[in-house]
PDB file of all heavy atoms in Angstrom:
ATOM      1  N   ASP A   1      -5.070  -4.366  -0.870  1.00  0.00           N
ATOM      2  CA  ASP A   1      -4.567  -4.819  -2.176  1.00  0.00           C
ATOM      3  C   ASP A   1      -5.449  -4.142  -3.205  1.00  0.00           C
ATOM      4  O   ASP A   1      -6.531  -4.573  -3.619  1.00  0.00           O
ATOM      5  CB  ASP A   1      -4.645  -6.245  -2.407  1.00  0.00           C
ATOM      6  CG  ASP A   1      -4.132  -6.762  -3.725  1.00  0.00           C
ATOM      7  OD1 ASP A   1      -3.615  -5.976  -4.519  1.00  0.00           O
ATOM      8  OD2 ASP A   1      -4.366  -7.969  -4.028  1.00  0.00           O
ATOM      9  N   ASP A   2      -5.123  -2.966  -3.713  1.00  0.00           N
ATOM     10  CA  ASP A   2      -5.916  -2.210  -4.661  1.00  0.00           C
ATOM     11  C   ASP A   2      -5.198  -2.011  -6.001  1.00  0.00           C
ATOM     12  O   ASP A   2      -5.302  -0.940  -6.701  1.00  0.00           O
ATOM     13  CB  ASP A   2      -6.170  -0.743  -4.011  1.00  0.00           C
ATOM     14  CG  ASP A   2      -7.396  -0.173  -4.616  1.00  0.00           C
ATOM     15  OD1 ASP A   2      -8.533  -0.554  -4.345  1.00  0.00           O
ATOM     16  OD2 ASP A   2      -7.275   0.689  -5.511  1.00  0.00           O
ATOM     17  N   GLY A   3      -4.422  -2.994  -6.329  1.00  0.00           N
ATOM     18  CA  GLY A   3      -3.726  -2.914  -7.602  1.00  0.00           C
ATOM     19  C   GLY A   3      -2.682  -1.835  -7.570  1.00  0.00           C
ATOM     20  O   GLY A   3      -1.889  -1.723  -6.605  1.00  0.00           O
ATOM     21  N   GLN A   4      -2.621  -1.054  -8.608  1.00  0.00           N
ATOM     22  CA  GLN A   4      -1.662   0.131  -8.662  1.00  0.00           C
ATOM     23  C   GLN A   4      -2.208   1.364  -7.962  1.00  0.00           C
ATOM     24  O   GLN A   4      -1.520   2.399  -8.010  1.00  0.00           O
ATOM     25  CB  GLN A   4      -1.340   0.431 -10.105  1.00  0.00           C
ATOM     26  CG  GLN A   4      -0.166   1.236 -10.425  1.00  0.00           C
ATOM     27  CD  GLN A   4       1.084   0.650  -9.834  1.00  0.00           C
ATOM     28  OE1 GLN A   4       1.257  -0.526  -9.646  1.00  0.00           O
ATOM     29  NE2 GLN A   4       2.177   1.535  -9.713  1.00  0.00           N
ATOM     30  N   GLY A   5      -3.231   1.187  -7.231  1.00  0.00           N
ATOM     31  CA  GLY A   5      -3.878   2.327  -6.514  1.00  0.00           C
ATOM     32  C   GLY A   5      -3.336   2.256  -4.921  1.00  0.00           C
ATOM     33  O   GLY A   5      -2.732   1.254  -4.491  1.00  0.00           O
ATOM     34  N   ASP A   6      -3.741   3.254  -4.224  1.00  0.00           N
ATOM     35  CA  ASP A   6      -3.385   3.345  -2.790  1.00  0.00           C
ATOM     36  C   ASP A   6      -4.728   3.387  -1.896  1.00  0.00           C
ATOM     37  O   ASP A   6      -5.504   4.160  -2.191  1.00  0.00           O
ATOM     38  CB  ASP A   6      -2.590   4.551  -2.471  1.00  0.00           C
ATOM     39  CG  ASP A   6      -1.139   4.271  -2.273  1.00  0.00           C
ATOM     40  OD1 ASP A   6      -0.750   3.166  -2.692  1.00  0.00           O
ATOM     41  OD2 ASP A   6      -0.330   5.165  -1.852  1.00  0.00           O
ATOM     42  N   ALA A   7      -4.796   2.625  -0.934  1.00  0.00           N
ATOM     43  CA  ALA A   7      -5.949   2.606   0.078  1.00  0.00           C
ATOM     44  C   ALA A   7      -5.504   1.916   1.310  1.00  0.00           C
ATOM     45  O   ALA A   7      -5.043   0.856   1.258  1.00  0.00           O
ATOM     46  CB  ALA A   7      -7.234   2.020  -0.540  1.00  0.00           C
ATOM     47  N   THR A   8      -5.751   2.566   2.424  1.00  0.00           N
ATOM     48  CA  THR A   8      -5.444   2.045   3.714  1.00  0.00           C
ATOM     49  C   THR A   8      -6.610   2.217   4.628  1.00  0.00           C
ATOM     50  O   THR A   8      -7.029   3.316   4.802  1.00  0.00           O
ATOM     51  CB  THR A   8      -4.162   2.655   4.317  1.00  0.00           C
ATOM     52  OG1 THR A   8      -3.137   2.538   3.441  1.00  0.00           O
ATOM     53  CG2 THR A   8      -3.799   1.949   5.736  1.00  0.00           C
ATOM     54  N   TYR A   9      -7.035   1.147   5.310  1.00  0.00           N
ATOM     55  CA  TYR A   9      -8.178   1.223   6.238  1.00  0.00           C
ATOM     56  C   TYR A   9      -7.652   0.951   7.548  1.00  0.00           C
ATOM     57  O   TYR A   9      -6.924   0.054   7.826  1.00  0.00           O
ATOM     58  CB  TYR A   9      -9.234   0.128   5.875  1.00  0.00           C
ATOM     59  CG  TYR A   9     -10.291  -0.080   6.919  1.00  0.00           C
ATOM     60  CD1 TYR A   9     -11.202   0.942   7.264  1.00  0.00           C
ATOM     61  CD2 TYR A   9     -10.304  -1.272   7.699  1.00  0.00           C
ATOM     62  CE1 TYR A   9     -12.132   0.768   8.307  1.00  0.00           C
ATOM     63  CE2 TYR A   9     -11.264  -1.418   8.714  1.00  0.00           C
ATOM     64  CZ  TYR A   9     -12.177  -0.341   9.039  1.00  0.00           C
ATOM     65  OH  TYR A   9     -13.045  -0.496   9.990  1.00  0.00           O
ATOM     66  N   ILE A  10      -8.095   1.832   8.537  1.00  0.00           N
ATOM     67  CA  ILE A  10      -7.716   1.721   9.941  1.00  0.00           C
ATOM     68  C   ILE A  10      -8.919   1.738  10.819  1.00  0.00           C
ATOM     69  O   ILE A  10      -9.813   2.598  10.564  1.00  0.00           O
ATOM     70  CB  ILE A  10      -6.737   2.915  10.411  1.00  0.00           C
ATOM     71  CG1 ILE A  10      -5.476   2.861   9.476  1.00  0.00           C
ATOM     72  CG2 ILE A  10      -6.397   2.711  11.843  1.00  0.00           C
ATOM     73  CD1 ILE A  10      -4.537   4.113   9.731  1.00  0.00           C
ATOM     74  N   ARG A  11      -9.034   0.755  11.799  1.00  0.00           N
ATOM     75  CA  ARG A  11     -10.113   0.844  12.770  1.00  0.00           C
ATOM     76  C   ARG A  11      -9.450   0.962  14.144  1.00  0.00           C
ATOM     77  O   ARG A  11      -8.892   0.124  14.594  1.00  0.00           O
ATOM     78  CB  ARG A  11     -11.002  -0.359  12.710  1.00  0.00           C
ATOM     79  CG  ARG A  11     -12.254  -0.257  13.669  1.00  0.00           C
ATOM     80  CD  ARG A  11     -13.246  -1.418  13.254  1.00  0.00           C
ATOM     81  NE  ARG A  11     -14.365  -1.450  14.248  1.00  0.00           N
ATOM     82  CZ  ARG A  11     -15.490  -0.652  14.083  1.00  0.00           C
ATOM     83  NH1 ARG A  11     -15.612   0.238  13.161  1.00  0.00           N
ATOM     84  NH2 ARG A  11     -16.442  -0.683  14.986  1.00  0.00           N
ATOM     85  N   ILE A  12      -9.678   2.161  14.656  1.00  0.00           N
ATOM     86  CA  ILE A  12      -9.013   2.500  15.962  1.00  0.00           C
ATOM     87  C   ILE A  12      -9.859   2.004  17.188  1.00  0.00           C
ATOM     88  O   ILE A  12     -11.044   2.284  17.207  1.00  0.00           O
ATOM     89  CB  ILE A  12      -8.916   4.016  16.027  1.00  0.00           C
ATOM     90  CG1 ILE A  12      -7.990   4.587  14.945  1.00  0.00           C
ATOM     91  CG2 ILE A  12      -8.269   4.379  17.454  1.00  0.00           C
ATOM     92  CD1 ILE A  12      -7.913   6.067  14.861  1.00  0.00           C
ATOM     93  N   ASP A  13      -9.195   1.138  17.984  1.00  0.00           N
ATOM     94  CA  ASP A  13      -9.834   0.614  19.139  1.00  0.00           C
ATOM     95  C   ASP A  13     -11.051  -0.095  18.839  1.00  0.00           C
ATOM     96  O   ASP A  13     -12.023  -0.169  19.761  1.00  0.00           O
ATOM     97  CB  ASP A  13     -10.105   1.782  20.226  1.00  0.00           C
ATOM     98  CG  ASP A  13      -8.834   2.455  20.672  1.00  0.00           C
ATOM     99  OD1 ASP A  13      -7.741   1.675  20.576  1.00  0.00           O
ATOM    100  OD2 ASP A  13      -8.912   3.607  21.066  1.00  0.00           O
ATOM    101  N   ASN A  14     -11.190  -0.595  17.677  1.00  0.00           N
ATOM    102  CA  ASN A  14     -12.464  -1.281  17.238  1.00  0.00           C
ATOM    103  C   ASN A  14     -13.710  -0.396  17.356  1.00  0.00           C
ATOM    104  O   ASN A  14     -14.813  -0.919  17.536  1.00  0.00           O
ATOM    105  CB  ASN A  14     -12.680  -2.609  18.043  1.00  0.00           C
ATOM    106  CG  ASN A  14     -13.578  -3.585  17.337  1.00  0.00           C
ATOM    107  OD1 ASN A  14     -13.881  -3.443  16.202  1.00  0.00           O
ATOM    108  ND2 ASN A  14     -13.979  -4.666  18.072  1.00  0.00           N
ATOM    109  N   LYS A  15     -13.526   0.850  17.156  1.00  0.00           N
ATOM    110  CA  LYS A  15     -14.655   1.775  17.341  1.00  0.00           C
ATOM    111  C   LYS A  15     -14.639   2.881  16.225  1.00  0.00           C
ATOM    112  O   LYS A  15     -15.776   3.191  15.711  1.00  0.00           O
ATOM    113  CB  LYS A  15     -14.476   2.623  18.622  1.00  0.00           C
ATOM    114  CG  LYS A  15     -14.719   1.642  19.807  1.00  0.00           C
ATOM    115  CD  LYS A  15     -14.491   2.600  21.135  1.00  0.00           C
ATOM    116  CE  LYS A  15     -14.604   1.613  22.385  1.00  0.00           C
ATOM    117  NZ  LYS A  15     -14.321   2.395  23.622  1.00  0.00           N
ATOM    118  N   ILE A  16     -13.387   3.479  15.793  1.00  0.00           N
ATOM    119  CA  ILE A  16     -13.392   4.521  14.905  1.00  0.00           C
ATOM    120  C   ILE A  16     -12.798   4.171  13.569  1.00  0.00           C
ATOM    121  O   ILE A  16     -11.607   3.603  13.597  1.00  0.00           O
ATOM    122  CB  ILE A  16     -12.631   5.688  15.605  1.00  0.00           C
ATOM    123  CG1 ILE A  16     -13.393   6.145  16.882  1.00  0.00           C
ATOM    124  CG2 ILE A  16     -12.561   6.898  14.719  1.00  0.00           C
ATOM    125  CD1 ILE A  16     -12.695   7.116  17.728  1.00  0.00           C
ATOM    126  N   ASP A  17     -13.393   4.570  12.512  1.00  0.00           N
ATOM    127  CA  ASP A  17     -12.924   4.148  11.185  1.00  0.00           C
ATOM    128  C   ASP A  17     -12.213   5.293  10.442  1.00  0.00           C
ATOM    129  O   ASP A  17     -12.687   6.414  10.413  1.00  0.00           O
ATOM    130  CB  ASP A  17     -14.126   3.657  10.331  1.00  0.00           C
ATOM    131  CG  ASP A  17     -14.862   2.458  10.943  1.00  0.00           C
ATOM    132  OD1 ASP A  17     -14.273   1.465  11.030  1.00  0.00           O
ATOM    133  OD2 ASP A  17     -15.981   2.658  11.424  1.00  0.00           O
ATOM    134  N   VAL A  18     -10.960   4.960   9.997  1.00  0.00           N
ATOM    135  CA  VAL A  18     -10.187   5.900   9.195  1.00  0.00           C
ATOM    136  C   VAL A  18      -9.875   5.339   7.887  1.00  0.00           C
ATOM    137  O   VAL A  18      -9.490   4.202   7.790  1.00  0.00           O
ATOM    138  CB  VAL A  18      -8.951   6.261   9.970  1.00  0.00           C
ATOM    139  CG1 VAL A  18      -8.002   7.269   9.146  1.00  0.00           C
ATOM    140  CG2 VAL A  18      -9.292   6.895  11.358  1.00  0.00           C
ATOM    141  N   LEU A  19      -9.907   6.093   6.832  1.00  0.00           N
ATOM    142  CA  LEU A  19      -9.580   5.642   5.489  1.00  0.00           C
ATOM    143  C   LEU A  19      -8.575   6.646   4.911  1.00  0.00           C
ATOM    144  O   LEU A  19      -8.861   7.856   4.783  1.00  0.00           O
ATOM    145  CB  LEU A  19     -10.776   5.540   4.529  1.00  0.00           C
ATOM    146  CG  LEU A  19     -10.490   5.052   3.209  1.00  0.00           C
ATOM    147  CD1 LEU A  19     -10.047   3.608   3.213  1.00  0.00           C
ATOM    148  CD2 LEU A  19     -11.813   5.136   2.270  1.00  0.00           C
ATOM    149  N   ILE A  20      -7.465   6.109   4.477  1.00  0.00           N
ATOM    150  CA  ILE A  20      -6.304   6.907   3.922  1.00  0.00           C
ATOM    151  C   ILE A  20      -6.340   6.628   2.393  1.00  0.00           C
ATOM    152  O   ILE A  20      -5.880   5.454   2.055  1.00  0.00           O
ATOM    153  CB  ILE A  20      -5.060   6.747   4.530  1.00  0.00           C
ATOM    154  CG1 ILE A  20      -5.188   7.152   6.038  1.00  0.00           C
ATOM    155  CG2 ILE A  20      -3.998   7.608   3.881  1.00  0.00           C
ATOM    156  CD1 ILE A  20      -4.022   6.645   6.850  1.00  0.00           C
ATOM    157  N   ASP A  21      -6.721   7.442   1.538  1.00  0.00           N
ATOM    158  CA  ASP A  21      -6.854   7.261   0.075  1.00  0.00           C
ATOM    159  C   ASP A  21      -7.862   6.078  -0.196  1.00  0.00           C
ATOM    160  O   ASP A  21      -8.305   5.484   0.733  1.00  0.00           O
ATOM    161  CB  ASP A  21      -5.502   6.957  -0.579  1.00  0.00           C
ATOM    162  CG  ASP A  21      -4.614   8.124  -0.585  1.00  0.00           C
ATOM    163  OD1 ASP A  21      -5.166   9.298  -0.728  1.00  0.00           O
ATOM    164  OD2 ASP A  21      -3.415   8.025  -0.562  1.00  0.00           O
ATOM    165  N   ALA A  22      -8.218   5.963  -1.371  1.00  0.00           N
ATOM    166  CA  ALA A  22      -9.283   5.047  -1.778  1.00  0.00           C
ATOM    167  C   ALA A  22      -9.095   4.327  -3.108  1.00  0.00           C
ATOM    168  O   ALA A  22     -10.053   3.795  -3.701  1.00  0.00           O
ATOM    169  CB  ALA A  22     -10.658   5.797  -1.843  1.00  0.00           C
ATOM    170  N   GLY A  23      -7.898   4.250  -3.561  1.00  0.00           N
ATOM    171  CA  GLY A  23      -7.607   3.645  -4.778  1.00  0.00           C
ATOM    172  C   GLY A  23      -8.260   4.258  -5.981  1.00  0.00           C
ATOM    173  O   GLY A  23      -8.721   5.360  -5.869  1.00  0.00           O
ATOM    174  N   SER A  24      -8.281   3.551  -7.067  1.00  0.00           N
ATOM    175  CA  SER A  24      -8.705   4.183  -8.333  1.00  0.00           C
ATOM    176  C   SER A  24     -10.296   3.853  -8.756  1.00  0.00           C
ATOM    177  O   SER A  24     -10.745   4.478  -9.482  1.00  0.00           O
ATOM    178  CB  SER A  24      -7.897   3.683  -9.516  1.00  0.00           C
ATOM    179  OG  SER A  24      -7.840   2.235  -9.615  1.00  0.00           O
ATOM    180  N   ASP A  25     -10.780   2.769  -8.012  1.00  0.00           N
ATOM    181  CA  ASP A  25     -12.077   2.373  -8.464  1.00  0.00           C
ATOM    182  C   ASP A  25     -12.852   1.705  -7.345  1.00  0.00           C
ATOM    183  O   ASP A  25     -12.471   1.825  -6.110  1.00  0.00           O
ATOM    184  CB  ASP A  25     -12.085   1.510  -9.671  1.00  0.00           C
ATOM    185  CG  ASP A  25     -11.060   0.247  -9.551  1.00  0.00           C
ATOM    186  OD1 ASP A  25     -10.984  -0.171  -8.382  1.00  0.00           O
ATOM    187  OD2 ASP A  25     -10.430  -0.158 -10.431  1.00  0.00           O
ATOM    188  N   ARG A  26     -13.843   0.906  -7.632  1.00  0.00           N
ATOM    189  CA  ARG A  26     -14.700   0.298  -6.597  1.00  0.00           C
ATOM    190  C   ARG A  26     -14.024  -0.794  -5.845  1.00  0.00           C
ATOM    191  O   ARG A  26     -14.576  -1.407  -4.932  1.00  0.00           O
ATOM    192  CB  ARG A  26     -16.036  -0.245  -7.227  1.00  0.00           C
ATOM    193  CG  ARG A  26     -15.881  -1.284  -8.117  1.00  0.00           C
ATOM    194  CD  ARG A  26     -17.234  -1.698  -8.821  1.00  0.00           C
ATOM    195  NE  ARG A  26     -18.199  -2.006  -7.800  1.00  0.00           N
ATOM    196  CZ  ARG A  26     -19.273  -1.224  -7.626  1.00  0.00           C
ATOM    197  NH1 ARG A  26     -19.512  -0.166  -8.411  1.00  0.00           N
ATOM    198  NH2 ARG A  26     -20.131  -1.582  -6.754  1.00  0.00           N
ATOM    199  N   LYS A  27     -12.762  -1.341  -6.164  1.00  0.00           N
ATOM    200  CA  LYS A  27     -12.182  -2.394  -5.562  1.00  0.00           C
ATOM    201  C   LYS A  27     -11.919  -2.144  -4.056  1.00  0.00           C
ATOM    202  O   LYS A  27     -11.851  -3.022  -3.294  1.00  0.00           O
ATOM    203  CB  LYS A  27     -10.807  -2.611  -6.212  1.00  0.00           C
ATOM    204  CG  LYS A  27     -10.144  -3.905  -5.849  1.00  0.00           C
ATOM    205  CD  LYS A  27      -8.884  -4.182  -6.603  1.00  0.00           C
ATOM    206  CE  LYS A  27      -8.264  -5.560  -6.205  1.00  0.00           C
ATOM    207  NZ  LYS A  27      -7.042  -5.875  -6.889  1.00  0.00           N
ATOM    208  N   VAL A  28     -11.892  -0.832  -3.676  1.00  0.00           N
ATOM    209  CA  VAL A  28     -11.678  -0.495  -2.216  1.00  0.00           C
ATOM    210  C   VAL A  28     -12.849  -1.121  -1.357  1.00  0.00           C
ATOM    211  O   VAL A  28     -12.724  -1.329  -0.174  1.00  0.00           O
ATOM    212  CB  VAL A  28     -11.451   0.991  -2.081  1.00  0.00           C
ATOM    213  CG1 VAL A  28     -12.774   1.799  -2.447  1.00  0.00           C
ATOM    214  CG2 VAL A  28     -11.053   1.324  -0.644  1.00  0.00           C
ATOM    215  N   LEU A  29     -14.089  -1.069  -2.000  1.00  0.00           N
ATOM    216  CA  LEU A  29     -15.201  -1.645  -1.241  1.00  0.00           C
ATOM    217  C   LEU A  29     -14.976  -3.128  -0.795  1.00  0.00           C
ATOM    218  O   LEU A  29     -15.512  -3.437   0.199  1.00  0.00           O
ATOM    219  CB  LEU A  29     -16.440  -1.540  -2.169  1.00  0.00           C
ATOM    220  CG  LEU A  29     -16.887  -0.132  -2.580  1.00  0.00           C
ATOM    221  CD1 LEU A  29     -18.144  -0.273  -3.425  1.00  0.00           C
ATOM    222  CD2 LEU A  29     -17.207   0.659  -1.338  1.00  0.00           C
ATOM    223  N   GLN A  30     -14.223  -3.827  -1.562  1.00  0.00           N
ATOM    224  CA  GLN A  30     -13.935  -5.311  -1.166  1.00  0.00           C
ATOM    225  C   GLN A  30     -13.150  -5.304   0.133  1.00  0.00           C
ATOM    226  O   GLN A  30     -13.367  -6.049   1.038  1.00  0.00           O
ATOM    227  CB  GLN A  30     -13.194  -6.029  -2.225  1.00  0.00           C
ATOM    228  CG  GLN A  30     -13.985  -6.146  -3.528  1.00  0.00           C
ATOM    229  CD  GLN A  30     -13.209  -6.772  -4.647  1.00  0.00           C
ATOM    230  OE1 GLN A  30     -12.082  -7.321  -4.339  1.00  0.00           O
ATOM    231  NE2 GLN A  30     -13.651  -6.712  -5.885  1.00  0.00           N
ATOM    232  N   CYS A  31     -12.171  -4.336   0.240  1.00  0.00           N
ATOM    233  CA  CYS A  31     -11.360  -4.268   1.440  1.00  0.00           C
ATOM    234  C   CYS A  31     -12.243  -3.817   2.692  1.00  0.00           C
ATOM    235  O   CYS A  31     -12.158  -4.453   3.737  1.00  0.00           O
ATOM    236  CB  CYS A  31     -10.168  -3.329   1.146  1.00  0.00           C
ATOM    237  SG  CYS A  31      -8.960  -3.338   2.436  1.00  0.00           S
ATOM    238  N   LEU A  32     -13.031  -2.781   2.507  1.00  0.00           N
ATOM    239  CA  LEU A  32     -13.824  -2.348   3.573  1.00  0.00           C
ATOM    240  C   LEU A  32     -14.817  -3.343   3.985  1.00  0.00           C
ATOM    241  O   LEU A  32     -15.060  -3.642   5.157  1.00  0.00           O
ATOM    242  CB  LEU A  32     -14.607  -1.092   3.217  1.00  0.00           C
ATOM    243  CG  LEU A  32     -13.679   0.179   2.893  1.00  0.00           C
ATOM    244  CD1 LEU A  32     -14.497   1.303   2.531  1.00  0.00           C
ATOM    245  CD2 LEU A  32     -12.871   0.519   4.178  1.00  0.00           C
ATOM    246  N   GLY A  33     -15.420  -3.989   3.002  1.00  0.00           N
ATOM    247  CA  GLY A  33     -16.421  -5.153   3.285  1.00  0.00           C
ATOM    248  C   GLY A  33     -15.771  -6.222   4.039  1.00  0.00           C
ATOM    249  O   GLY A  33     -16.422  -6.909   4.826  1.00  0.00           O
ATOM    250  N   LYS A  34     -14.543  -6.525   3.874  1.00  0.00           N
ATOM    251  CA  LYS A  34     -13.923  -7.609   4.576  1.00  0.00           C
ATOM    252  C   LYS A  34     -13.477  -7.298   6.017  1.00  0.00           C
ATOM    253  O   LYS A  34     -13.584  -8.119   6.934  1.00  0.00           O
ATOM    254  CB  LYS A  34     -12.717  -8.114   3.819  1.00  0.00           C
ATOM    255  CG  LYS A  34     -11.967  -9.303   4.395  1.00  0.00           C
ATOM    256  CD  LYS A  34     -10.987  -9.844   3.435  1.00  0.00           C
ATOM    257  CE  LYS A  34     -10.312 -11.151   3.999  1.00  0.00           C
ATOM    258  NZ  LYS A  34      -9.269 -11.681   3.113  1.00  0.00           N
ATOM    259  N   TYR A  35     -13.128  -5.981   6.221  1.00  0.00           N
ATOM    260  CA  TYR A  35     -12.440  -5.694   7.500  1.00  0.00           C
ATOM    261  C   TYR A  35     -13.329  -4.745   8.350  1.00  0.00           C
ATOM    262  O   TYR A  35     -13.091  -4.628   9.576  1.00  0.00           O
ATOM    263  CB  TYR A  35     -11.045  -5.091   7.349  1.00  0.00           C
ATOM    264  CG  TYR A  35     -10.127  -6.072   6.649  1.00  0.00           C
ATOM    265  CD1 TYR A  35      -9.839  -6.098   5.358  1.00  0.00           C
ATOM    266  CD2 TYR A  35      -9.562  -7.148   7.507  1.00  0.00           C
ATOM    267  CE1 TYR A  35      -8.946  -6.990   4.680  1.00  0.00           C
ATOM    268  CE2 TYR A  35      -8.650  -8.016   6.944  1.00  0.00           C
ATOM    269  CZ  TYR A  35      -8.447  -7.941   5.544  1.00  0.00           C
ATOM    270  OH  TYR A  35      -7.439  -8.885   4.974  1.00  0.00           O
ATOM    271  N   MET A  36     -14.239  -3.997   7.726  1.00  0.00           N
ATOM    272  CA  MET A  36     -15.129  -3.085   8.505  1.00  0.00           C
ATOM    273  C   MET A  36     -16.378  -3.714   8.824  1.00  0.00           C
ATOM    274  O   MET A  36     -16.908  -4.457   8.055  1.00  0.00           O
ATOM    275  CB  MET A  36     -15.340  -1.848   7.584  1.00  0.00           C
ATOM    276  CG  MET A  36     -16.087  -0.755   8.352  1.00  0.00           C
ATOM    277  SD  MET A  36     -16.154   0.733   7.182  1.00  0.00           S
ATOM    278  CE  MET A  36     -17.048   1.863   8.178  1.00  0.00           C
ATOM    279  N   PRO A  37     -16.739  -3.683  10.188  1.00  0.00           N
ATOM    280  CA  PRO A  37     -17.992  -4.385  10.495  1.00  0.00           C
ATOM    281  C   PRO A  37     -19.251  -3.993   9.562  1.00  0.00           C
ATOM    282  O   PRO A  37     -19.400  -2.897   9.280  1.00  0.00           O
ATOM    283  CB  PRO A  37     -18.236  -3.793  11.932  1.00  0.00           C
ATOM    284  CG  PRO A  37     -16.852  -3.381  12.510  1.00  0.00           C
ATOM    285  CD  PRO A  37     -16.189  -2.882  11.291  1.00  0.00           C
ATOM    286  N   PHE A  38     -19.936  -5.046   9.242  1.00  0.00           N
ATOM    287  CA  PHE A  38     -20.957  -4.936   8.259  1.00  0.00           C
ATOM    288  C   PHE A  38     -22.096  -3.958   8.676  1.00  0.00           C
ATOM    289  O   PHE A  38     -22.720  -3.327   7.865  1.00  0.00           O
ATOM    290  CB  PHE A  38     -21.591  -6.273   7.976  1.00  0.00           C
ATOM    291  CG  PHE A  38     -22.381  -6.934   9.086  1.00  0.00           C
ATOM    292  CD1 PHE A  38     -23.848  -6.654   9.208  1.00  0.00           C
ATOM    293  CD2 PHE A  38     -21.822  -7.704   9.906  1.00  0.00           C
ATOM    294  CE1 PHE A  38     -24.493  -7.220  10.230  1.00  0.00           C
ATOM    295  CE2 PHE A  38     -22.521  -8.282  11.064  1.00  0.00           C
ATOM    296  CZ  PHE A  38     -23.940  -7.973  11.142  1.00  0.00           C
ATOM    297  N   PHE A  39     -22.278  -3.804   9.968  1.00  0.00           N
ATOM    298  CA  PHE A  39     -23.388  -2.916  10.590  1.00  0.00           C
ATOM    299  C   PHE A  39     -22.906  -1.492  10.627  1.00  0.00           C
ATOM    300  O   PHE A  39     -23.674  -0.585  10.906  1.00  0.00           O
ATOM    301  CB  PHE A  39     -23.749  -3.387  11.878  1.00  0.00           C
ATOM    302  CG  PHE A  39     -22.542  -3.571  12.954  1.00  0.00           C
ATOM    303  CD1 PHE A  39     -22.024  -2.489  13.596  1.00  0.00           C
ATOM    304  CD2 PHE A  39     -22.020  -4.813  13.067  1.00  0.00           C
ATOM    305  CE1 PHE A  39     -21.076  -2.643  14.490  1.00  0.00           C
ATOM    306  CE2 PHE A  39     -20.949  -4.992  13.956  1.00  0.00           C
ATOM    307  CZ  PHE A  39     -20.466  -3.845  14.638  1.00  0.00           C
TER     308      PHE A  39
END
């Protein structure tokens, strides 16, 4: 949910991280912080 921007996060097999677009500003960090392992 990046407002009027585009950002899609994919974690393949719980190992490999893929990001498709990143929205317009820092809001994408909230999405990564929630779904991408903190470590």
